[in-house]
PDB file of N, CA and C in Angstrom:
ATOM      1  N   GLY A   1       9.020  17.373 -29.959  1.00  0.00           N
ATOM      2  CA  GLY A   1       8.102  16.235 -30.217  1.00  0.00           C
ATOM      3  C   GLY A   1       8.322  15.197 -29.113  1.00  0.00           C
ATOM      4  N   LEU A   2       7.490  14.291 -29.190  1.00  0.00           N
ATOM      5  CA  LEU A   2       7.515  13.040 -28.426  1.00  0.00           C
ATOM      6  C   LEU A   2       8.571  12.016 -28.716  1.00  0.00           C
ATOM      7  N   GLY A   3       9.040  11.344 -27.961  1.00  0.00           N
ATOM      8  CA  GLY A   3       9.898  10.055 -28.354  1.00  0.00           C
ATOM      9  C   GLY A   3       9.048   8.948 -28.780  1.00  0.00           C
ATOM     10  N   ASN A   4       9.640   8.114 -29.572  1.00  0.00           N
ATOM     11  CA  ASN A   4       8.781   7.044 -30.094  1.00  0.00           C
ATOM     12  C   ASN A   4       8.168   6.085 -28.975  1.00  0.00           C
ATOM     13  N   ILE A   5       8.912   6.028 -27.851  1.00  0.00           N
ATOM     14  CA  ILE A   5       8.272   5.159 -26.702  1.00  0.00           C
ATOM     15  C   ILE A   5       6.992   5.680 -26.417  1.00  0.00           C
ATOM     16  N   TYR A   6       7.015   7.013 -26.042  1.00  0.00           N
ATOM     17  CA  TYR A   6       5.700   7.581 -25.552  1.00  0.00           C
ATOM     18  C   TYR A   6       4.557   7.687 -26.651  1.00  0.00           C
ATOM     19  N   VAL A   7       5.000   7.925 -27.957  1.00  0.00           N
ATOM     20  CA  VAL A   7       4.126   7.941 -29.026  1.00  0.00           C
ATOM     21  C   VAL A   7       3.497   6.715 -29.088  1.00  0.00           C
ATOM     22  N   CYS A   8       4.106   5.468 -29.068  1.00  0.00           N
ATOM     23  CA  CYS A   8       3.462   4.159 -29.255  1.00  0.00           C
ATOM     24  C   CYS A   8       2.430   3.866 -28.172  1.00  0.00           C
ATOM     25  N   GLU A   9       2.973   4.134 -26.899  1.00  0.00           N
ATOM     26  CA  GLU A   9       2.067   4.123 -25.767  1.00  0.00           C
ATOM     27  C   GLU A   9       0.868   4.987 -25.844  1.00  0.00           C
ATOM     28  N   ALA A  10       0.941   6.261 -26.279  1.00  0.00           N
ATOM     29  CA  ALA A  10      -0.149   7.231 -26.314  1.00  0.00           C
ATOM     30  C   ALA A  10      -1.144   6.620 -27.555  1.00  0.00           C
ATOM     31  N   LEU A  11      -0.507   6.184 -28.615  1.00  0.00           N
ATOM     32  CA  LEU A  11      -1.483   5.854 -29.490  1.00  0.00           C
ATOM     33  C   LEU A  11      -2.175   4.457 -29.250  1.00  0.00           C
ATOM     34  N   PHE A  12      -1.695   3.713 -28.368  1.00  0.00           N
ATOM     35  CA  PHE A  12      -2.342   2.434 -28.065  1.00  0.00           C
ATOM     36  C   PHE A  12      -3.470   2.862 -27.134  1.00  0.00           C
ATOM     37  N   ARG A  13      -3.294   3.794 -26.164  1.00  0.00           N
ATOM     38  CA  ARG A  13      -4.214   4.083 -25.186  1.00  0.00           C
ATOM     39  C   ARG A  13      -5.264   4.826 -25.941  1.00  0.00           C
ATOM     40  N   ALA A  14      -5.087   5.616 -26.918  1.00  0.00           N
ATOM     41  CA  ALA A  14      -6.212   6.376 -27.662  1.00  0.00           C
ATOM     42  C   ALA A  14      -6.826   5.223 -28.694  1.00  0.00           C
ATOM     43  N   GLY A  15      -6.125   4.124 -28.849  1.00  0.00           N
ATOM     44  CA  GLY A  15      -6.874   3.167 -29.999  1.00  0.00           C
ATOM     45  C   GLY A  15      -6.553   3.543 -31.243  1.00  0.00           C
ATOM     46  N   LEU A  16      -5.323   4.218 -31.681  1.00  0.00           N
ATOM     47  CA  LEU A  16      -5.284   4.709 -32.847  1.00  0.00           C
ATOM     48  C   LEU A  16      -4.081   4.142 -33.422  1.00  0.00           C
ATOM     49  N   ASN A  17      -4.176   3.567 -34.873  1.00  0.00           N
ATOM     50  CA  ASN A  17      -3.206   2.735 -35.498  1.00  0.00           C
ATOM     51  C   ASN A  17      -2.138   3.816 -36.036  1.00  0.00           C
ATOM     52  N   PRO A  18      -0.914   3.553 -35.606  1.00  0.00           N
ATOM     53  CA  PRO A  18       0.125   4.586 -35.967  1.00  0.00           C
ATOM     54  C   PRO A  18       0.146   4.799 -37.495  1.00  0.00           C
ATOM     55  N   SER A  19      -0.455   4.038 -38.453  1.00  0.00           N
ATOM     56  CA  SER A  19      -0.511   4.269 -39.874  1.00  0.00           C
ATOM     57  C   SER A  19      -1.569   5.156 -40.370  1.00  0.00           C
ATOM     58  N   ARG A  20      -2.397   5.517 -39.491  1.00  0.00           N
ATOM     59  CA  ARG A  20      -3.593   6.251 -39.882  1.00  0.00           C
ATOM     60  C   ARG A  20      -3.139   7.743 -40.338  1.00  0.00           C
ATOM     61  N   PRO A  21      -3.611   8.348 -41.326  1.00  0.00           N
ATOM     62  CA  PRO A  21      -3.222   9.610 -41.655  1.00  0.00           C
ATOM     63  C   PRO A  21      -3.606  10.588 -40.579  1.00  0.00           C
ATOM     64  N   ALA A  22      -2.855  11.511 -40.465  1.00  0.00           N
ATOM     65  CA  ALA A  22      -2.942  12.627 -39.606  1.00  0.00           C
ATOM     66  C   ALA A  22      -4.086  13.447 -39.592  1.00  0.00           C
ATOM     67  N   GLY A  23      -4.722  13.290 -40.937  1.00  0.00           N
ATOM     68  CA  GLY A  23      -6.040  14.066 -41.151  1.00  0.00           C
ATOM     69  C   GLY A  23      -7.122  13.726 -40.283  1.00  0.00           C
ATOM     70  N   VAL A  24      -7.141  12.578 -39.633  1.00  0.00           N
ATOM     71  CA  VAL A  24      -8.286  11.936 -38.923  1.00  0.00           C
ATOM     72  C   VAL A  24      -8.287  12.777 -37.619  1.00  0.00           C
ATOM     73  N   LEU A  25      -7.363  13.625 -37.237  1.00  0.00           N
ATOM     74  CA  LEU A  25      -7.311  14.273 -35.985  1.00  0.00           C
ATOM     75  C   LEU A  25      -7.976  15.669 -36.244  1.00  0.00           C
ATOM     76  N   ALA A  26      -8.532  16.040 -37.449  1.00  0.00           N
ATOM     77  CA  ALA A  26      -9.165  17.448 -37.467  1.00  0.00           C
ATOM     78  C   ALA A  26     -10.232  17.130 -38.367  1.00  0.00           C
ATOM     79  N   ASN A  27     -11.308  17.805 -38.136  1.00  0.00           N
ATOM     80  CA  ASN A  27     -12.620  17.862 -38.848  1.00  0.00           C
ATOM     81  C   ASN A  27     -12.418  18.810 -40.016  1.00  0.00           C
ATOM     82  N   ALA A  28     -13.559  18.820 -40.879  1.00  0.00           N
ATOM     83  CA  ALA A  28     -13.512  19.753 -42.074  1.00  0.00           C
ATOM     84  C   ALA A  28     -13.333  21.266 -41.756  1.00  0.00           C
ATOM     85  N   ARG A  29     -13.786  21.709 -40.599  1.00  0.00           N
ATOM     86  CA  ARG A  29     -13.427  23.056 -40.017  1.00  0.00           C
ATOM     87  C   ARG A  29     -12.212  23.290 -39.554  1.00  0.00           C
ATOM     88  N   GLY A  30     -11.309  22.101 -39.222  1.00  0.00           N
ATOM     89  CA  GLY A  30      -9.974  22.324 -38.662  1.00  0.00           C
ATOM     90  C   GLY A  30     -10.078  22.060 -37.148  1.00  0.00           C
ATOM     91  N   GLY A  31     -11.381  21.740 -36.655  1.00  0.00           N
ATOM     92  CA  GLY A  31     -11.519  21.613 -35.139  1.00  0.00           C
ATOM     93  C   GLY A  31     -11.057  20.043 -34.796  1.00  0.00           C
ATOM     94  N   PRO A  32     -10.813  19.812 -33.677  1.00  0.00           N
ATOM     95  CA  PRO A  32     -10.382  18.395 -33.114  1.00  0.00           C
ATOM     96  C   PRO A  32     -11.515  17.579 -33.368  1.00  0.00           C
ATOM     97  N   THR A  33     -11.243  16.316 -33.759  1.00  0.00           N
ATOM     98  CA  THR A  33     -12.112  15.188 -33.749  1.00  0.00           C
ATOM     99  C   THR A  33     -11.984  14.290 -32.388  1.00  0.00           C
ATOM    100  N   ARG A  34     -12.988  13.416 -32.193  1.00  0.00           N
ATOM    101  CA  ARG A  34     -12.760  12.483 -31.100  1.00  0.00           C
ATOM    102  C   ARG A  34     -11.540  11.791 -31.020  1.00  0.00           C
ATOM    103  N   ALA A  35     -10.873  11.430 -32.028  1.00  0.00           N
ATOM    104  CA  ALA A  35      -9.536  10.820 -32.094  1.00  0.00           C
ATOM    105  C   ALA A  35      -8.549  11.762 -31.463  1.00  0.00           C
ATOM    106  N   ALA A  36      -8.542  13.101 -31.941  1.00  0.00           N
ATOM    107  CA  ALA A  36      -7.651  14.026 -31.534  1.00  0.00           C
ATOM    108  C   ALA A  36      -7.631  14.313 -29.950  1.00  0.00           C
ATOM    109  N   VAL A  37      -8.958  14.410 -29.450  1.00  0.00           N
ATOM    110  CA  VAL A  37      -9.176  14.560 -27.987  1.00  0.00           C
ATOM    111  C   VAL A  37      -8.535  13.319 -27.292  1.00  0.00           C
ATOM    112  N   ALA A  38      -8.865  12.122 -27.650  1.00  0.00           N
ATOM    113  CA  ALA A  38      -8.565  10.962 -27.014  1.00  0.00           C
ATOM    114  C   ALA A  38      -6.852  10.743 -27.145  1.00  0.00           C
ATOM    115  N   LEU A  39      -6.345  11.331 -28.197  1.00  0.00           N
ATOM    116  CA  LEU A  39      -4.921  11.167 -28.279  1.00  0.00           C
ATOM    117  C   LEU A  39      -4.196  12.254 -27.303  1.00  0.00           C
ATOM    118  N   ALA A  40      -4.653  13.415 -27.260  1.00  0.00           N
ATOM    119  CA  ALA A  40      -4.232  14.476 -26.490  1.00  0.00           C
ATOM    120  C   ALA A  40      -4.332  13.996 -24.926  1.00  0.00           C
ATOM    121  N   LYS A  41      -5.391  13.459 -24.553  1.00  0.00           N
ATOM    122  CA  LYS A  41      -5.642  12.934 -23.142  1.00  0.00           C
ATOM    123  C   LYS A  41      -4.561  11.795 -22.939  1.00  0.00           C
ATOM    124  N   ALA A  42      -4.484  10.992 -23.829  1.00  0.00           N
ATOM    125  CA  ALA A  42      -3.445   9.647 -23.681  1.00  0.00           C
ATOM    126  C   ALA A  42      -2.052  10.288 -23.560  1.00  0.00           C
ATOM    127  N   ILE A  43      -1.577  11.282 -24.412  1.00  0.00           N
ATOM    128  CA  ILE A  43      -0.331  11.898 -24.376  1.00  0.00           C
ATOM    129  C   ILE A  43       0.031  12.380 -22.910  1.00  0.00           C
ATOM    130  N   ARG A  44      -1.010  13.059 -22.430  1.00  0.00           N
ATOM    131  CA  ARG A  44      -0.699  13.751 -21.062  1.00  0.00           C
ATOM    132  C   ARG A  44      -0.694  12.575 -20.172  1.00  0.00           C
ATOM    133  N   GLU A  45      -1.556  11.570 -20.114  1.00  0.00           N
ATOM    134  CA  GLU A  45      -1.352  10.427 -19.137  1.00  0.00           C
ATOM    135  C   GLU A  45      -0.152   9.877 -19.309  1.00  0.00           C
ATOM    136  N   VAL A  46       0.186   9.566 -20.358  1.00  0.00           N
ATOM    137  CA  VAL A  46       1.660   8.774 -20.499  1.00  0.00           C
ATOM    138  C   VAL A  46       2.711   9.568 -20.067  1.00  0.00           C
ATOM    139  N   LEU A  47       2.719  10.888 -20.501  1.00  0.00           N
ATOM    140  CA  LEU A  47       3.803  11.708 -20.058  1.00  0.00           C
ATOM    141  C   LEU A  47       3.788  11.851 -18.402  1.00  0.00           C
ATOM    142  N   GLU A  48       2.716  12.178 -17.830  1.00  0.00           N
ATOM    143  CA  GLU A  48       2.614  12.308 -16.334  1.00  0.00           C
ATOM    144  C   GLU A  48       3.068  10.853 -15.631  1.00  0.00           C
ATOM    145  N   GLU A  49       2.711   9.653 -16.255  1.00  0.00           N
ATOM    146  CA  GLU A  49       2.983   8.427 -15.621  1.00  0.00           C
ATOM    147  C   GLU A  49       4.476   8.212 -15.874  1.00  0.00           C
ATOM    148  N   ALA A  50       5.006   8.532 -16.837  1.00  0.00           N
ATOM    149  CA  ALA A  50       6.372   8.497 -17.123  1.00  0.00           C
ATOM    150  C   ALA A  50       7.317   9.314 -16.192  1.00  0.00           C
ATOM    151  N   ILE A  51       6.899  10.484 -16.145  1.00  0.00           N
ATOM    152  CA  ILE A  51       7.640  11.502 -15.264  1.00  0.00           C
ATOM    153  C   ILE A  51       7.546  10.988 -13.706  1.00  0.00           C
ATOM    154  N   GLU A  52       6.424  10.561 -13.343  1.00  0.00           N
ATOM    155  CA  GLU A  52       6.262   9.993 -12.005  1.00  0.00           C
ATOM    156  C   GLU A  52       7.187   8.612 -11.756  1.00  0.00           C
ATOM    157  N   ALA A  53       7.410   7.949 -12.881  1.00  0.00           N
ATOM    158  CA  ALA A  53       8.326   6.779 -12.779  1.00  0.00           C
ATOM    159  C   ALA A  53       9.687   7.050 -12.961  1.00  0.00           C
ATOM    160  N   GLY A  54      10.154   8.360 -13.416  1.00  0.00           N
ATOM    161  CA  GLY A  54      11.512   8.695 -13.619  1.00  0.00           C
ATOM    162  C   GLY A  54      11.834   8.459 -14.871  1.00  0.00           C
ATOM    163  N   GLY A  55      11.135   8.256 -16.010  1.00  0.00           N
ATOM    164  CA  GLY A  55      11.400   8.002 -17.354  1.00  0.00           C
ATOM    165  C   GLY A  55      11.586   6.571 -17.701  1.00  0.00           C
ATOM    166  N   SER A  56      12.001   6.342 -18.772  1.00  0.00           N
ATOM    167  CA  SER A  56      12.276   4.855 -19.284  1.00  0.00           C
ATOM    168  C   SER A  56      13.662   4.532 -19.397  1.00  0.00           C
ATOM    169  N   THR A  57      14.179   3.681 -18.575  1.00  0.00           N
ATOM    170  CA  THR A  57      15.692   3.283 -18.747  1.00  0.00           C
ATOM    171  C   THR A  57      15.640   2.041 -19.469  1.00  0.00           C
ATOM    172  N   LEU A  58      16.185   2.207 -20.865  1.00  0.00           N
ATOM    173  CA  LEU A  58      16.470   1.067 -21.574  1.00  0.00           C
ATOM    174  C   LEU A  58      17.839   0.656 -21.781  1.00  0.00           C
ATOM    175  N   ARG A  59      18.696   1.631 -22.036  1.00  0.00           N
ATOM    176  CA  ARG A  59      20.086   1.573 -22.243  1.00  0.00           C
ATOM    177  C   ARG A  59      21.013   2.438 -21.448  1.00  0.00           C
ATOM    178  N   ASP A  60      20.585   3.808 -21.685  1.00  0.00           N
ATOM    179  CA  ASP A  60      21.553   4.710 -21.077  1.00  0.00           C
ATOM    180  C   ASP A  60      20.797   5.980 -20.316  1.00  0.00           C
ATOM    181  N   HIS A  61      19.404   5.894 -20.295  1.00  0.00           N
ATOM    182  CA  HIS A  61      18.742   6.950 -19.502  1.00  0.00           C
ATOM    183  C   HIS A  61      19.105   7.018 -18.058  1.00  0.00           C
ATOM    184  N   ARG A  62      19.483   8.142 -17.561  1.00  0.00           N
ATOM    185  CA  ARG A  62      19.602   8.258 -16.039  1.00  0.00           C
ATOM    186  C   ARG A  62      18.904   9.618 -15.632  1.00  0.00           C
ATOM    187  N   GLN A  63      18.431   9.586 -14.343  1.00  0.00           N
ATOM    188  CA  GLN A  63      17.847  10.707 -13.762  1.00  0.00           C
ATOM    189  C   GLN A  63      19.066  11.603 -13.513  1.00  0.00           C
ATOM    190  N   ALA A  64      18.808  12.917 -13.090  1.00  0.00           N
ATOM    191  CA  ALA A  64      19.859  13.900 -12.817  1.00  0.00           C
ATOM    192  C   ALA A  64      20.614  13.373 -11.518  1.00  0.00           C
ATOM    193  N   ASP A  65      20.053  12.611 -10.656  1.00  0.00           N
ATOM    194  CA  ASP A  65      20.724  12.163  -9.571  1.00  0.00           C
ATOM    195  C   ASP A  65      21.479  10.708  -9.745  1.00  0.00           C
ATOM    196  N   GLY A  66      21.450  10.353 -11.049  1.00  0.00           N
ATOM    197  CA  GLY A  66      21.961   8.986 -11.462  1.00  0.00           C
ATOM    198  C   GLY A  66      21.121   7.795 -11.304  1.00  0.00           C
ATOM    199  N   GLY A  67      19.879   8.080 -10.791  1.00  0.00           N
ATOM    200  CA  GLY A  67      18.984   6.946 -10.646  1.00  0.00           C
ATOM    201  C   GLY A  67      18.370   6.428 -12.022  1.00  0.00           C
ATOM    202  N   LEU A  68      17.750   5.287 -11.936  1.00  0.00           N
ATOM    203  CA  LEU A  68      17.210   4.752 -13.157  1.00  0.00           C
ATOM    204  C   LEU A  68      15.684   5.229 -13.200  1.00  0.00           C
ATOM    205  N   GLY A  69      15.176   5.136 -14.356  1.00  0.00           N
ATOM    206  CA  GLY A  69      13.600   5.267 -14.538  1.00  0.00           C
ATOM    207  C   GLY A  69      13.067   3.886 -14.471  1.00  0.00           C
ATOM    208  N   TYR A  70      11.772   3.957 -14.353  1.00  0.00           N
ATOM    209  CA  TYR A  70      11.054   2.588 -14.238  1.00  0.00           C
ATOM    210  C   TYR A  70       9.920   2.603 -15.010  1.00  0.00           C
ATOM    211  N   PHE A  71       9.572   3.466 -15.968  1.00  0.00           N
ATOM    212  CA  PHE A  71       8.323   3.423 -16.673  1.00  0.00           C
ATOM    213  C   PHE A  71       8.309   2.196 -17.779  1.00  0.00           C
ATOM    214  N   GLN A  72       9.419   1.730 -18.051  1.00  0.00           N
ATOM    215  CA  GLN A  72       9.532   0.594 -19.046  1.00  0.00           C
ATOM    216  C   GLN A  72       8.890  -0.592 -18.533  1.00  0.00           C
ATOM    217  N   HIS A  73       8.573  -0.609 -17.193  1.00  0.00           N
ATOM    218  CA  HIS A  73       7.923  -1.861 -16.640  1.00  0.00           C
ATOM    219  C   HIS A  73       6.437  -1.824 -16.685  1.00  0.00           C
ATOM    220  N   ALA A  74       5.932  -0.528 -17.255  1.00  0.00           N
ATOM    221  CA  ALA A  74       4.592  -0.304 -17.600  1.00  0.00           C
ATOM    222  C   ALA A  74       4.259  -0.241 -18.977  1.00  0.00           C
ATOM    223  N   PHE A  75       5.042  -0.554 -19.755  1.00  0.00           N
ATOM    224  CA  PHE A  75       4.842  -0.471 -21.361  1.00  0.00           C
ATOM    225  C   PHE A  75       3.712  -1.339 -21.673  1.00  0.00           C
ATOM    226  N   SER A  76       2.732  -0.729 -22.521  1.00  0.00           N
ATOM    227  CA  SER A  76       1.702  -1.703 -23.007  1.00  0.00           C
ATOM    228  C   SER A  76       2.009  -2.242 -24.350  1.00  0.00           C
ATOM    229  N   VAL A  77       2.783  -1.528 -25.244  1.00  0.00           N
ATOM    230  CA  VAL A  77       3.051  -1.962 -26.520  1.00  0.00           C
ATOM    231  C   VAL A  77       4.596  -1.864 -26.874  1.00  0.00           C
ATOM    232  N   TYR A  78       5.229  -0.939 -26.367  1.00  0.00           N
ATOM    233  CA  TYR A  78       6.812  -0.601 -26.726  1.00  0.00           C
ATOM    234  C   TYR A  78       7.568  -2.008 -26.571  1.00  0.00           C
ATOM    235  N   ASP A  79       8.298  -2.302 -27.456  1.00  0.00           N
ATOM    236  CA  ASP A  79       9.232  -3.483 -27.260  1.00  0.00           C
ATOM    237  C   ASP A  79       8.655  -4.600 -27.009  1.00  0.00           C
ATOM    238  N   ARG A  80       7.273  -4.997 -27.119  1.00  0.00           N
ATOM    239  CA  ARG A  80       6.562  -5.933 -26.840  1.00  0.00           C
ATOM    240  C   ARG A  80       6.255  -6.982 -28.135  1.00  0.00           C
ATOM    241  N   GLU A  81       6.929  -6.760 -29.126  1.00  0.00           N
ATOM    242  CA  GLU A  81       6.673  -7.423 -30.415  1.00  0.00           C
ATOM    243  C   GLU A  81       6.420  -8.931 -30.167  1.00  0.00           C
ATOM    244  N   GLY A  82       5.342  -9.609 -30.698  1.00  0.00           N
ATOM    245  CA  GLY A  82       5.020 -10.932 -30.444  1.00  0.00           C
ATOM    246  C   GLY A  82       4.111 -11.284 -29.204  1.00  0.00           C
ATOM    247  N   ALA A  83       4.094 -10.363 -28.448  1.00  0.00           N
ATOM    248  CA  ALA A  83       3.457 -10.595 -27.028  1.00  0.00           C
ATOM    249  C   ALA A  83       1.921 -10.429 -27.312  1.00  0.00           C
ATOM    250  N   ALA A  84       1.132 -10.997 -26.543  1.00  0.00           N
ATOM    251  CA  ALA A  84      -0.360 -10.803 -26.422  1.00  0.00           C
ATOM    252  C   ALA A  84      -0.639  -9.264 -26.070  1.00  0.00           C
ATOM    253  N   CYS A  85      -1.737  -8.734 -26.707  1.00  0.00           N
ATOM    254  CA  CYS A  85      -2.263  -7.465 -26.288  1.00  0.00           C
ATOM    255  C   CYS A  85      -2.769  -7.393 -24.776  1.00  0.00           C
ATOM    256  N   LEU A  86      -2.389  -6.387 -23.994  1.00  0.00           N
ATOM    257  CA  LEU A  86      -2.748  -6.414 -22.781  1.00  0.00           C
ATOM    258  C   LEU A  86      -4.160  -5.975 -22.581  1.00  0.00           C
ATOM    259  N   ARG A  87      -4.792  -5.438 -23.640  1.00  0.00           N
ATOM    260  CA  ARG A  87      -6.108  -4.826 -23.362  1.00  0.00           C
ATOM    261  C   ARG A  87      -7.185  -5.908 -23.340  1.00  0.00           C
ATOM    262  N   SER A  88      -7.981  -5.833 -22.282  1.00  0.00           N
ATOM    263  CA  SER A  88      -9.074  -6.895 -22.227  1.00  0.00           C
ATOM    264  C   SER A  88      -9.785  -7.009 -23.330  1.00  0.00           C
ATOM    265  N   ARG A  89     -10.248  -8.390 -23.748  1.00  0.00           N
ATOM    266  CA  ARG A  89     -11.125  -8.602 -24.690  1.00  0.00           C
ATOM    267  C   ARG A  89     -10.378  -8.449 -26.038  1.00  0.00           C
ATOM    268  N   CYS A  90      -9.140  -8.418 -26.145  1.00  0.00           N
ATOM    269  CA  CYS A  90      -8.386  -8.286 -27.353  1.00  0.00           C
ATOM    270  C   CYS A  90      -7.488  -9.374 -27.655  1.00  0.00           C
ATOM    271  N   ALA A  91      -7.696 -10.269 -28.713  1.00  0.00           N
ATOM    272  CA  ALA A  91      -6.783 -11.332 -28.993  1.00  0.00           C
ATOM    273  C   ALA A  91      -5.609 -10.941 -29.842  1.00  0.00           C
ATOM    274  N   GLY A  92      -5.331  -9.833 -29.834  1.00  0.00           N
ATOM    275  CA  GLY A  92      -4.292  -9.316 -30.841  1.00  0.00           C
ATOM    276  C   GLY A  92      -3.001  -9.658 -30.355  1.00  0.00           C
ATOM    277  N   THR A  93      -2.026  -9.520 -31.222  1.00  0.00           N
ATOM    278  CA  THR A  93      -0.515  -9.728 -30.862  1.00  0.00           C
ATOM    279  C   THR A  93       0.204  -8.443 -31.183  1.00  0.00           C
ATOM    280  N   ILE A  94       1.016  -7.877 -30.320  1.00  0.00           N
ATOM    281  CA  ILE A  94       1.775  -6.736 -30.767  1.00  0.00           C
ATOM    282  C   ILE A  94       2.624  -6.919 -31.913  1.00  0.00           C
ATOM    283  N   ALA A  95       2.724  -5.935 -32.807  1.00  0.00           N
ATOM    284  CA  ALA A  95       3.495  -5.917 -34.034  1.00  0.00           C
ATOM    285  C   ALA A  95       4.462  -4.768 -33.966  1.00  0.00           C
ATOM    286  N   ARG A  96       5.417  -4.910 -34.797  1.00  0.00           N
ATOM    287  CA  ARG A  96       6.466  -3.732 -34.853  1.00  0.00           C
ATOM    288  C   ARG A  96       6.593  -3.557 -36.369  1.00  0.00           C
ATOM    289  N   VAL A  97       6.592  -2.232 -36.715  1.00  0.00           N
ATOM    290  CA  VAL A  97       6.856  -1.625 -38.017  1.00  0.00           C
ATOM    291  C   VAL A  97       7.929  -0.525 -37.925  1.00  0.00           C
ATOM    292  N   PRO A  98       8.723  -0.611 -38.984  1.00  0.00           N
ATOM    293  CA  PRO A  98       9.790   0.636 -38.890  1.00  0.00           C
ATOM    294  C   PRO A  98       9.185   1.948 -39.524  1.00  0.00           C
ATOM    295  N   HIS A  99       9.156   2.947 -39.079  1.00  0.00           N
ATOM    296  CA  HIS A  99       8.808   4.327 -39.251  1.00  0.00           C
ATOM    297  C   HIS A  99       9.985   5.220 -39.232  1.00  0.00           C
ATOM    298  N   SER A 100      10.445   5.704 -40.354  1.00  0.00           N
ATOM    299  CA  SER A 100      11.624   6.669 -40.330  1.00  0.00           C
ATOM    300  C   SER A 100      12.922   6.139 -39.543  1.00  0.00           C
ATOM    301  N   GLY A 101      13.173   4.875 -39.820  1.00  0.00           N
ATOM    302  CA  GLY A 101      14.385   4.231 -39.135  1.00  0.00           C
ATOM    303  C   GLY A 101      14.107   3.780 -37.573  1.00  0.00           C
ATOM    304  N   ARG A 102      12.827   4.050 -37.058  1.00  0.00           N
ATOM    305  CA  ARG A 102      12.710   3.692 -35.774  1.00  0.00           C
ATOM    306  C   ARG A 102      11.527   2.701 -35.540  1.00  0.00           C
ATOM    307  N   SER A 103      11.421   1.955 -34.617  1.00  0.00           N
ATOM    308  CA  SER A 103      10.526   0.974 -34.260  1.00  0.00           C
ATOM    309  C   SER A 103       9.273   1.537 -33.752  1.00  0.00           C
ATOM    310  N   THR A 104       8.125   1.098 -34.438  1.00  0.00           N
ATOM    311  CA  THR A 104       6.761   1.628 -33.852  1.00  0.00           C
ATOM    312  C   THR A 104       6.130   0.166 -33.467  1.00  0.00           C
ATOM    313  N   PHE A 105       5.433   0.279 -32.280  1.00  0.00           N
ATOM    314  CA  PHE A 105       4.980  -1.033 -31.570  1.00  0.00           C
ATOM    315  C   PHE A 105       3.369  -0.648 -31.648  1.00  0.00           C
ATOM    316  N   TYR A 106       2.524  -1.613 -32.052  1.00  0.00           N
ATOM    317  CA  TYR A 106       1.232  -1.377 -31.788  1.00  0.00           C
ATOM    318  C   TYR A 106       0.315  -2.819 -31.994  1.00  0.00           C
ATOM    319  N   CYS A 107      -0.880  -2.697 -31.508  1.00  0.00           N
ATOM    320  CA  CYS A 107      -1.944  -3.773 -31.646  1.00  0.00           C
ATOM    321  C   CYS A 107      -2.607  -3.711 -32.928  1.00  0.00           C
ATOM    322  N   PRO A 108      -2.444  -4.400 -34.037  1.00  0.00           N
ATOM    323  CA  PRO A 108      -3.218  -4.259 -35.161  1.00  0.00           C
ATOM    324  C   PRO A 108      -4.645  -4.725 -34.956  1.00  0.00           C
ATOM    325  N   VAL A 109      -5.125  -5.307 -33.976  1.00  0.00           N
ATOM    326  CA  VAL A 109      -6.404  -5.707 -33.625  1.00  0.00           C
ATOM    327  C   VAL A 109      -7.256  -4.488 -32.972  1.00  0.00           C
ATOM    328  N   CYS A 110      -6.839  -3.914 -32.053  1.00  0.00           N
ATOM    329  CA  CYS A 110      -7.500  -2.783 -31.370  1.00  0.00           C
ATOM    330  C   CYS A 110      -7.156  -1.505 -31.680  1.00  0.00           C
ATOM    331  N   GLN A 111      -6.144  -1.244 -32.371  1.00  0.00           N
ATOM    332  CA  GLN A 111      -5.903  -0.020 -32.673  1.00  0.00           C
ATOM    333  C   GLN A 111      -6.194   0.383 -34.093  1.00  0.00           C
ATOM    334  N   LYS A 112      -7.280   0.973 -34.294  1.00  0.00           N
ATOM    335  CA  LYS A 112      -7.990   1.207 -35.633  1.00  0.00           C
ATOM    336  C   LYS A 112      -7.565   2.562 -36.227  1.00  0.00           C
TER     337      LYS A 112
END
């Protein structure tokens, strides 16, 4: 699975609220909905950008050569609780909710 950092960032890019039921990703015939297509695209983009940046160094992540990752400088929502949403035309404030003992960050205004 994806780590919670990348999940938060992908859900933000796809405009999906992390509390929405997973059923919104499939239609009645089991095919992908627009939300599923948007999420799959966002996951690919986030992972590609994170790999390019060497990952996210928050506490102990190091690359194989000992170098640090820099993707944390590009976070839109992760670990930004109380900060203004970075999406243009959104007046939201990033919120944090616990899910299974982990923190989930999202914008309650633009992530529906």
